[in-house]
Structure formats: C-alpha cells, structure tokens
Amino acid sequence: MIATPLFLTVIAASVVLAAPSLTTSGCDISNTEISLPPGLPPPTSPPSYVSVAIGVQNYSCDDTGAYTSVGAVAELFDISCLLGTPAFDHIQGLAFNIWKALPSKVTAEKVIELLHLAKTPTILGQHYFITNPFTGSGLSPKWDFTSQGATKGNPNAFVVGARSGGVPAPTGPQDIDWLFLTGVQGQLADQIYRVDTRGGQPPATCTPGSAPISAKYASKYWLFGGSIHQS
C-alpha cells in the first residue's frame, strides 16, 4: 500500500502539470506549428494532440555489455491550452523533476494508477510497446487513448508507429533522441513526434546477465493527422 504522503505527492504532480491555470486541455491547436531541429521532417498533416509525458525507458543488458532498448511505458497529459504561454516551453522539465523526486520503488505503472484514481482531466492516454503487429516479432510503439477522456471506449483511438527518423537531443547526451514516427495502424494519428526530451538514457555499460533496468524520462509528444480528434 502506498503511503498517503506519496499519494498526495502524485496528486500534486498532476495539479502542477496544469500550471499556470487549471485549464490545460481541449484547446484548438489546428493552426499551431511544431518547432523542429534540422534532421526531422516537417509534418504533412495538421496537429491533433500535443502532450507532455512522464514514464520510463526500459533496457536489457546484451552479451557485449551494452544496454538495448526494450520499450517504454508513459502517461500522456494534454497541454494544448499551454501553447503560447511561458509554461509550455518548460513543462517537460517540470514534469521530469517531479517524476525524479518520487522514490525509485514507485513504478511508472503505479503513478499511472494513482493519477487515474485522481481523475485528473488532463490525461489523454498511455504510451507503451507491443509485439510488432505485422511481423509477430520485435516491438512497436503504441499510443493508446481508448481509456481516457473524449476518446474513452473508442477501439480505434490508438496508433502504432514505425520510426522514420531521429536526431540526438539538442539538450545533450543525457536526454533520449527526438524522434519522428509514421502511423502504421490505428486511427489516432498519421505522424508522431517525440521532442523536448528529458532523461531516459541508460548507463554506458552493463554486466552481461544483469537485470533489466528502467530509466525515468519526460518528453512532449505531438500527434498529427488521424481521423480521431479531441472534442
């Protein structure tokens, strides 16, 4: 059982994610442009969702003593109403600092569970990995909005992505890459961008046979196109 102070910390985190006002979700972003570094192509569809995410990048140690990515788990919060405010540029850092401050025994899944209990209105959905739906092997990233908000209960409110490009984070090697992905299944989006990343990198080396690890991270995810939009 998670202690009450920890529960309150998580609830406080969900409130802080709504700074500077409690209205962060449901704003029109159709005329918004994403700022991208050289190396990432511009989107070809209008924006549908903009979010900040907290979660973990998962890694296993291979036989050469290097960590290999084995997916991620994250929760996405709608920050559409923060566009055009000073808070928008810094929200991923704030979210990451809150997430880092929680004890290591608190998993991303537990944070997601507690945030759902809090019924915070800014949750869009979850990001996780599934078996590649076309090859039956390997992993594919999925963004799943079927259980929250205006898209709750819609079985098509998801997108499975395939990596189409990536660049090192402009903020430095301590942060995971910025990515461009193309939607290959689902109706939620045609294109996905992971930008403004914080954390998520594993140590440089590991001992073969050691246990898998999880590295906390935060980022913004932009979703473009698709046939399912928030209302």
C-alpha atoms as a PDB file:
ATOM      1  CA  MET A   1       0.000   0.000   0.000  1.00  0.00           C
ATOM      2  CA  ILE A   2       1.407   3.401  -0.973  1.00  0.00           C
ATOM      3  CA  ALA A   3       1.575   5.856   1.899  1.00  0.00           C
ATOM      4  CA  THR A   4      -0.761   8.840   1.917  1.00  0.00           C
ATOM      5  CA  PRO A   5       2.058  11.434   1.587  1.00  0.00           C
ATOM      6  CA  LEU A   6       3.229   9.727  -1.608  1.00  0.00           C
ATOM      7  CA  PHE A   7      -0.301   9.647  -2.973  1.00  0.00           C
ATOM      8  CA  LEU A   8      -0.589  13.359  -2.253  1.00  0.00           C
ATOM      9  CA  THR A   9       2.727  13.961  -3.999  1.00  0.00           C
ATOM     10  CA  VAL A  10       1.446  12.266  -7.135  1.00  0.00           C
ATOM     11  CA  ILE A  11      -1.811  14.202  -6.973  1.00  0.00           C
ATOM     12  CA  ALA A  12       0.152  17.412  -6.505  1.00  0.00           C
ATOM     13  CA  ALA A  13       2.195  16.484  -9.557  1.00  0.00           C
ATOM     14  CA  SER A  14      -0.944  16.191 -11.640  1.00  0.00           C
ATOM     15  CA  VAL A  15      -2.049  19.631 -10.450  1.00  0.00           C
ATOM     16  CA  VAL A  16       1.341  21.194 -11.177  1.00  0.00           C
ATOM     17  CA  LEU A  17       1.173  19.763 -14.683  1.00  0.00           C
ATOM     18  CA  ALA A  18      -1.823  22.050 -15.120  1.00  0.00           C
ATOM     19  CA  ALA A  19       0.168  25.233 -14.364  1.00  0.00           C
ATOM     20  CA  PRO A  20      -0.283  28.105 -14.775  1.00  0.00           C
ATOM     21  CA  SER A  21      -4.039  27.506 -14.787  1.00  0.00           C
ATOM     22  CA  LEU A  22      -6.297  24.524 -14.300  1.00  0.00           C
ATOM     23  CA  THR A  23      -7.375  24.723 -17.929  1.00  0.00           C
ATOM     24  CA  THR A  24      -4.779  22.817 -19.938  1.00  0.00           C
ATOM     25  CA  SER A  25      -6.860  20.547 -22.118  1.00  0.00           C
ATOM     26  CA  GLY A  26      -9.198  20.752 -25.062  1.00  0.00           C
ATOM     27  CA  CYS A  27      -7.882  23.916 -26.740  1.00  0.00           C
ATOM     28  CA  ASP A  28      -7.761  24.303 -30.522  1.00  0.00           C
ATOM     29  CA  ILE A  29      -4.270  23.603 -31.888  1.00  0.00           C
ATOM     30  CA  SER A  30      -5.159  23.324 -35.573  1.00  0.00           C
ATOM     31  CA  ASN A  31      -3.082  26.374 -36.532  1.00  0.00           C
ATOM     32  CA  THR A  32      -0.100  25.553 -34.315  1.00  0.00           C
ATOM     33  CA  GLU A  33       3.320  24.749 -35.781  1.00  0.00           C
ATOM     34  CA  ILE A  34       5.832  22.441 -34.136  1.00  0.00           C
ATOM     35  CA  SER A  35       9.420  23.672 -33.832  1.00  0.00           C
ATOM     36  CA  LEU A  36      11.828  21.023 -35.135  1.00  0.00           C
ATOM     37  CA  PRO A  37      15.626  20.837 -35.412  1.00  0.00           C
ATOM     38  CA  PRO A  38      17.437  20.023 -38.668  1.00  0.00           C
ATOM     39  CA  GLY A  39      17.147  16.326 -39.445  1.00  0.00           C
ATOM     40  CA  LEU A  40      13.469  15.892 -38.631  1.00  0.00           C
ATOM     41  CA  PRO A  41      10.992  16.415 -41.489  1.00  0.00           C
ATOM     42  CA  PRO A  42       8.008  18.720 -41.006  1.00  0.00           C
ATOM     43  CA  PRO A  43       4.568  17.156 -40.566  1.00  0.00           C
ATOM     44  CA  THR A  44       2.290  16.879 -43.577  1.00  0.00           C
ATOM     45  CA  SER A  45      -0.966  16.828 -41.592  1.00  0.00           C
ATOM     46  CA  PRO A  46      -2.478  19.297 -39.107  1.00  0.00           C
ATOM     47  CA  PRO A  47      -1.797  18.774 -35.385  1.00  0.00           C
ATOM     48  CA  SER A  48      -4.351  16.746 -33.446  1.00  0.00           C
ATOM     49  CA  TYR A  49      -2.818  16.441 -29.972  1.00  0.00           C
ATOM     50  CA  VAL A  50       0.072  17.942 -28.023  1.00  0.00           C
ATOM     51  CA  SER A  51       1.053  16.375 -24.721  1.00  0.00           C
ATOM     52  CA  VAL A  52       3.695  16.084 -22.054  1.00  0.00           C
ATOM     53  CA  ALA A  53       4.568  12.574 -20.927  1.00  0.00           C
ATOM     54  CA  ILE A  54       6.250  11.019 -17.916  1.00  0.00           C
ATOM     55  CA  GLY A  55       7.365   7.422 -17.824  1.00  0.00           C
ATOM     56  CA  VAL A  56      10.305   5.075 -18.191  1.00  0.00           C
ATOM     57  CA  GLN A  57      12.508   3.801 -20.967  1.00  0.00           C
ATOM     58  CA  ASN A  58      13.255   0.103 -20.438  1.00  0.00           C
ATOM     59  CA  TYR A  59      16.587  -1.551 -21.214  1.00  0.00           C
ATOM     60  CA  SER A  60      18.167  -5.007 -21.076  1.00  0.00           C
ATOM     61  CA  CYS A  61      21.883  -5.807 -20.977  1.00  0.00           C
ATOM     62  CA  ASP A  62      23.189  -7.658 -24.043  1.00  0.00           C
ATOM     63  CA  ASP A  63      26.112 -10.064 -24.311  1.00  0.00           C
ATOM     64  CA  THR A  64      28.518  -7.268 -25.242  1.00  0.00           C
ATOM     65  CA  GLY A  65      27.871  -5.306 -22.046  1.00  0.00           C
ATOM     66  CA  ALA A  66      25.707  -2.637 -23.654  1.00  0.00           C
ATOM     67  CA  TYR A  67      22.121  -1.709 -22.867  1.00  0.00           C
ATOM     68  CA  THR A  68      19.487  -2.329 -25.547  1.00  0.00           C
ATOM     69  CA  SER A  69      16.070  -0.674 -25.609  1.00  0.00           C
ATOM     70  CA  VAL A  70      13.150  -2.990 -24.835  1.00  0.00           C
ATOM     71  CA  GLY A  71      10.345  -0.443 -24.942  1.00  0.00           C
ATOM     72  CA  ALA A  72       8.815   2.209 -22.740  1.00  0.00           C
ATOM     73  CA  VAL A  73       5.775   2.982 -20.595  1.00  0.00           C
ATOM     74  CA  ALA A  74       4.425   6.517 -20.195  1.00  0.00           C
ATOM     75  CA  GLU A  75       1.362   8.594 -19.393  1.00  0.00           C
ATOM     76  CA  LEU A  76       0.386  11.486 -21.679  1.00  0.00           C
ATOM     77  CA  PHE A  77      -1.179  14.738 -20.446  1.00  0.00           C
ATOM     78  CA  ASP A  78      -2.993  17.222 -22.687  1.00  0.00           C
ATOM     79  CA  ILE A  79      -1.163  20.575 -22.665  1.00  0.00           C
ATOM     80  CA  SER A  80      -2.941  22.175 -25.621  1.00  0.00           C
ATOM     81  CA  CYS A  81      -4.053  25.180 -23.561  1.00  0.00           C
ATOM     82  CA  LEU A  82      -0.472  25.917 -22.504  1.00  0.00           C
ATOM     83  CA  LEU A  83       0.516  26.720 -26.083  1.00  0.00           C
ATOM     84  CA  GLY A  84       1.559  30.346 -26.316  1.00  0.00           C
ATOM     85  CA  THR A  85       2.332  30.602 -22.587  1.00  0.00           C
ATOM     86  CA  PRO A  86       5.768  30.601 -20.901  1.00  0.00           C
ATOM     87  CA  ALA A  87       4.845  27.329 -19.177  1.00  0.00           C
ATOM     88  CA  PHE A  88       4.716  25.429 -22.474  1.00  0.00           C
ATOM     89  CA  ASP A  89       8.460  25.651 -23.090  1.00  0.00           C
ATOM     90  CA  HIS A  90       9.346  24.377 -19.624  1.00  0.00           C
ATOM     91  CA  ILE A  91       6.610  21.856 -18.807  1.00  0.00           C
ATOM     92  CA  GLN A  92       8.708  18.803 -19.740  1.00  0.00           C
ATOM     93  CA  GLY A  93      11.460  19.858 -17.326  1.00  0.00           C
ATOM     94  CA  LEU A  94       8.963  20.460 -14.549  1.00  0.00           C
ATOM     95  CA  ALA A  95       7.323  17.096 -15.171  1.00  0.00           C
ATOM     96  CA  PHE A  96      10.706  15.344 -15.191  1.00  0.00           C
ATOM     97  CA  ASN A  97      11.794  16.945 -11.921  1.00  0.00           C
ATOM     98  CA  ILE A  98       8.559  15.885 -10.225  1.00  0.00           C
ATOM     99  CA  TRP A  99       8.904  12.358 -11.575  1.00  0.00           C
ATOM    100  CA  LYS A 100      12.564  12.098 -10.493  1.00  0.00           C
ATOM    101  CA  ALA A 101      11.668  13.248  -6.964  1.00  0.00           C
ATOM    102  CA  LEU A 102       9.440  10.231  -6.365  1.00  0.00           C
ATOM    103  CA  PRO A 103      11.113   7.216  -4.674  1.00  0.00           C
ATOM    104  CA  SER A 104      12.632   4.650  -7.043  1.00  0.00           C
ATOM    105  CA  LYS A 105      10.260   1.956  -5.745  1.00  0.00           C
ATOM    106  CA  VAL A 106       7.339   3.866  -7.263  1.00  0.00           C
ATOM    107  CA  THR A 107       6.946   2.493 -10.770  1.00  0.00           C
ATOM    108  CA  ALA A 108       5.554   4.313 -13.794  1.00  0.00           C
ATOM    109  CA  GLU A 109       2.610   1.915 -13.695  1.00  0.00           C
ATOM    110  CA  LYS A 110       1.838   2.892 -10.085  1.00  0.00           C
ATOM    111  CA  VAL A 111       1.978   6.597 -10.928  1.00  0.00           C
ATOM    112  CA  ILE A 112      -0.424   5.970 -13.812  1.00  0.00           C
ATOM    113  CA  GLU A 113      -2.743   4.046 -11.491  1.00  0.00           C
ATOM    114  CA  LEU A 114      -2.765   6.836  -8.903  1.00  0.00           C
ATOM    115  CA  LEU A 115      -3.300   9.545 -11.491  1.00  0.00           C
ATOM    116  CA  HIS A 116      -6.294   7.631 -12.802  1.00  0.00           C
ATOM    117  CA  LEU A 117      -7.703   7.421  -9.279  1.00  0.00           C
ATOM    118  CA  ALA A 118      -7.300  11.185  -9.027  1.00  0.00           C
ATOM    119  CA  LYS A 119      -9.455  11.568 -12.158  1.00  0.00           C
ATOM    120  CA  THR A 120      -7.268  14.404 -13.384  1.00  0.00           C
ATOM    121  CA  PRO A 121      -8.917  15.812 -16.525  1.00  0.00           C
ATOM    122  CA  THR A 122      -5.692  16.300 -18.440  1.00  0.00           C
ATOM    123  CA  ILE A 123      -4.850  12.636 -19.102  1.00  0.00           C
ATOM    124  CA  LEU A 124      -5.000  11.728 -22.792  1.00  0.00           C
ATOM    125  CA  GLY A 125      -3.810   8.141 -22.660  1.00  0.00           C
ATOM    126  CA  GLN A 126      -0.860   5.803 -22.435  1.00  0.00           C
ATOM    127  CA  HIS A 127       2.251   5.006 -24.443  1.00  0.00           C
ATOM    128  CA  TYR A 128       3.703   1.508 -24.369  1.00  0.00           C
ATOM    129  CA  PHE A 129       5.144  -1.147 -26.661  1.00  0.00           C
ATOM    130  CA  ILE A 130       3.507  -4.186 -28.232  1.00  0.00           C
ATOM    131  CA  THR A 131       4.661  -7.069 -30.402  1.00  0.00           C
ATOM    132  CA  ASN A 132       5.044  -5.870 -33.980  1.00  0.00           C
ATOM    133  CA  PRO A 133       1.550  -6.471 -35.433  1.00  0.00           C
ATOM    134  CA  PHE A 134       2.878  -7.250 -38.912  1.00  0.00           C
ATOM    135  CA  THR A 135       5.897  -9.471 -38.284  1.00  0.00           C
ATOM    136  CA  GLY A 136       4.880 -11.068 -34.983  1.00  0.00           C
ATOM    137  CA  SER A 137       8.351 -10.397 -33.571  1.00  0.00           C
ATOM    138  CA  GLY A 138      10.149  -7.375 -32.199  1.00  0.00           C
ATOM    139  CA  LEU A 139       8.479  -4.390 -30.563  1.00  0.00           C
ATOM    140  CA  SER A 140       6.430  -1.488 -31.890  1.00  0.00           C
ATOM    141  CA  PRO A 141       5.462   1.717 -30.023  1.00  0.00           C
ATOM    142  CA  LYS A 142       1.770   2.329 -29.403  1.00  0.00           C
ATOM    143  CA  TRP A 143      -0.143   5.390 -28.216  1.00  0.00           C
ATOM    144  CA  ASP A 144      -3.437   4.307 -26.699  1.00  0.00           C
ATOM    145  CA  PHE A 145      -6.222   6.822 -25.994  1.00  0.00           C
ATOM    146  CA  THR A 146      -9.021   4.245 -25.672  1.00  0.00           C
ATOM    147  CA  SER A 147      -9.416   4.500 -21.895  1.00  0.00           C
ATOM    148  CA  GLN A 148      -9.458   8.251 -21.182  1.00  0.00           C
ATOM    149  CA  GLY A 149     -11.358  11.449 -21.914  1.00  0.00           C
ATOM    150  CA  ALA A 150     -13.336  12.147 -25.065  1.00  0.00           C
ATOM    151  CA  THR A 151     -11.947   9.078 -26.831  1.00  0.00           C
ATOM    152  CA  LYS A 152     -12.687   6.635 -23.993  1.00  0.00           C
ATOM    153  CA  GLY A 153     -14.282   3.462 -25.303  1.00  0.00           C
ATOM    154  CA  ASN A 154     -13.375   4.124 -28.938  1.00  0.00           C
ATOM    155  CA  PRO A 155     -11.497   0.993 -30.059  1.00  0.00           C
ATOM    156  CA  ASN A 156      -9.815   2.897 -32.902  1.00  0.00           C
ATOM    157  CA  ALA A 157      -8.341   5.637 -30.691  1.00  0.00           C
ATOM    158  CA  PHE A 158      -4.779   4.367 -30.927  1.00  0.00           C
ATOM    159  CA  VAL A 159      -1.814   4.486 -33.249  1.00  0.00           C
ATOM    160  CA  VAL A 160       1.070   2.062 -33.690  1.00  0.00           C
ATOM    161  CA  GLY A 161       4.140   3.812 -35.028  1.00  0.00           C
ATOM    162  CA  ALA A 162       7.215   2.946 -37.063  1.00  0.00           C
ATOM    163  CA  ARG A 163      10.364   5.021 -36.667  1.00  0.00           C
ATOM    164  CA  SER A 164      11.016   7.191 -39.709  1.00  0.00           C
ATOM    165  CA  GLY A 165      13.718   9.480 -38.347  1.00  0.00           C
ATOM    166  CA  GLY A 166      15.570  10.693 -35.295  1.00  0.00           C
ATOM    167  CA  VAL A 167      18.206  13.137 -34.101  1.00  0.00           C
ATOM    168  CA  PRO A 168      20.205  13.457 -30.869  1.00  0.00           C
ATOM    169  CA  ALA A 169      18.513  15.655 -28.293  1.00  0.00           C
ATOM    170  CA  PRO A 170      19.734  19.256 -28.707  1.00  0.00           C
ATOM    171  CA  THR A 171      19.985  19.461 -24.904  1.00  0.00           C
ATOM    172  CA  GLY A 172      22.762  16.867 -24.716  1.00  0.00           C
ATOM    173  CA  PRO A 173      23.502  13.131 -24.492  1.00  0.00           C
ATOM    174  CA  GLN A 174      21.801  12.782 -21.105  1.00  0.00           C
ATOM    175  CA  ASP A 175      18.441  13.043 -22.898  1.00  0.00           C
ATOM    176  CA  ILE A 176      16.975  10.491 -25.300  1.00  0.00           C
ATOM    177  CA  ASP A 177      16.716  11.237 -29.003  1.00  0.00           C
ATOM    178  CA  TRP A 178      13.995  13.270 -30.642  1.00  0.00           C
ATOM    179  CA  LEU A 179      12.008  11.033 -32.997  1.00  0.00           C
ATOM    180  CA  PHE A 180       9.680  11.146 -35.982  1.00  0.00           C
ATOM    181  CA  LEU A 181       7.376   8.150 -36.439  1.00  0.00           C
ATOM    182  CA  THR A 182       4.802   7.235 -39.053  1.00  0.00           C
ATOM    183  CA  GLY A 183       1.486   5.680 -38.055  1.00  0.00           C
ATOM    184  CA  VAL A 184       1.084   2.149 -39.425  1.00  0.00           C
ATOM    185  CA  GLN A 185      -2.030   1.002 -37.568  1.00  0.00           C
ATOM    186  CA  GLY A 186      -4.933   2.727 -35.810  1.00  0.00           C
ATOM    187  CA  GLN A 187      -6.825   5.948 -36.484  1.00  0.00           C
ATOM    188  CA  LEU A 188      -5.426   8.250 -33.787  1.00  0.00           C
ATOM    189  CA  ALA A 189      -2.639   9.842 -35.846  1.00  0.00           C
ATOM    190  CA  ASP A 190      -0.682   9.659 -39.087  1.00  0.00           C
ATOM    191  CA  GLN A 191       2.561  11.087 -37.697  1.00  0.00           C
ATOM    192  CA  ILE A 192       4.074  11.211 -34.198  1.00  0.00           C
ATOM    193  CA  TYR A 193       6.934  13.341 -32.893  1.00  0.00           C
ATOM    194  CA  ARG A 194       8.828  12.868 -29.630  1.00  0.00           C
ATOM    195  CA  VAL A 195      10.555  16.151 -28.784  1.00  0.00           C
ATOM    196  CA  ASP A 196      11.804  18.178 -25.805  1.00  0.00           C
ATOM    197  CA  THR A 197      13.067  15.030 -24.104  1.00  0.00           C
ATOM    198  CA  ARG A 198      14.477  14.865 -20.589  1.00  0.00           C
ATOM    199  CA  GLY A 199      16.347  11.857 -19.195  1.00  0.00           C
ATOM    200  CA  GLY A 200      15.660   8.287 -20.274  1.00  0.00           C
ATOM    201  CA  GLN A 201      19.238   7.270 -21.050  1.00  0.00           C
ATOM    202  CA  PRO A 202      20.826   4.099 -19.595  1.00  0.00           C
ATOM    203  CA  PRO A 203      24.366   3.860 -18.205  1.00  0.00           C
ATOM    204  CA  ALA A 204      27.089   3.479 -20.834  1.00  0.00           C
ATOM    205  CA  THR A 205      27.914  -0.125 -19.918  1.00  0.00           C
ATOM    206  CA  CYS A 206      26.478  -3.078 -18.032  1.00  0.00           C
ATOM    207  CA  THR A 207      27.435  -6.552 -16.867  1.00  0.00           C
ATOM    208  CA  PRO A 208      26.097  -9.258 -19.204  1.00  0.00           C
ATOM    209  CA  GLY A 209      23.368 -11.202 -17.435  1.00  0.00           C
ATOM    210  CA  SER A 210      22.398  -8.312 -15.160  1.00  0.00           C
ATOM    211  CA  ALA A 211      18.742  -7.478 -14.604  1.00  0.00           C
ATOM    212  CA  PRO A 212      16.820  -5.139 -16.911  1.00  0.00           C
ATOM    213  CA  ILE A 213      16.576  -1.503 -15.834  1.00  0.00           C
ATOM    214  CA  SER A 214      14.150   1.380 -16.256  1.00  0.00           C
ATOM    215  CA  ALA A 215      15.283   4.982 -16.784  1.00  0.00           C
ATOM    216  CA  LYS A 216      12.833   7.766 -15.954  1.00  0.00           C
ATOM    217  CA  TYR A 217      12.078  10.277 -18.686  1.00  0.00           C
ATOM    218  CA  ALA A 218       9.754  13.045 -19.775  1.00  0.00           C
ATOM    219  CA  SER A 219       9.033  14.461 -23.209  1.00  0.00           C
ATOM    220  CA  LYS A 220       6.468  16.124 -25.393  1.00  0.00           C
ATOM    221  CA  TYR A 221       4.553  14.023 -27.891  1.00  0.00           C
ATOM    222  CA  TRP A 222       2.864  15.700 -30.842  1.00  0.00           C
ATOM    223  CA  LEU A 223       0.337  13.730 -32.874  1.00  0.00           C
ATOM    224  CA  PHE A 224      -0.634  14.868 -36.368  1.00  0.00           C
ATOM    225  CA  GLY A 225      -3.474  13.819 -38.638  1.00  0.00           C
ATOM    226  CA  GLY A 226      -5.627  10.781 -37.964  1.00  0.00           C
ATOM    227  CA  SER A 227      -9.404  10.629 -38.016  1.00  0.00           C
ATOM    228  CA  ILE A 228      -9.998  10.818 -34.250  1.00  0.00           C
ATOM    229  CA  HIS A 229      -9.669  14.220 -32.607  1.00  0.00           C
ATOM    230  CA  GLN A 230     -10.418  15.528 -29.134  1.00  0.00           C
ATOM    231  CA  SER A 231     -13.626  17.494 -28.742  1.00  0.00           C
END
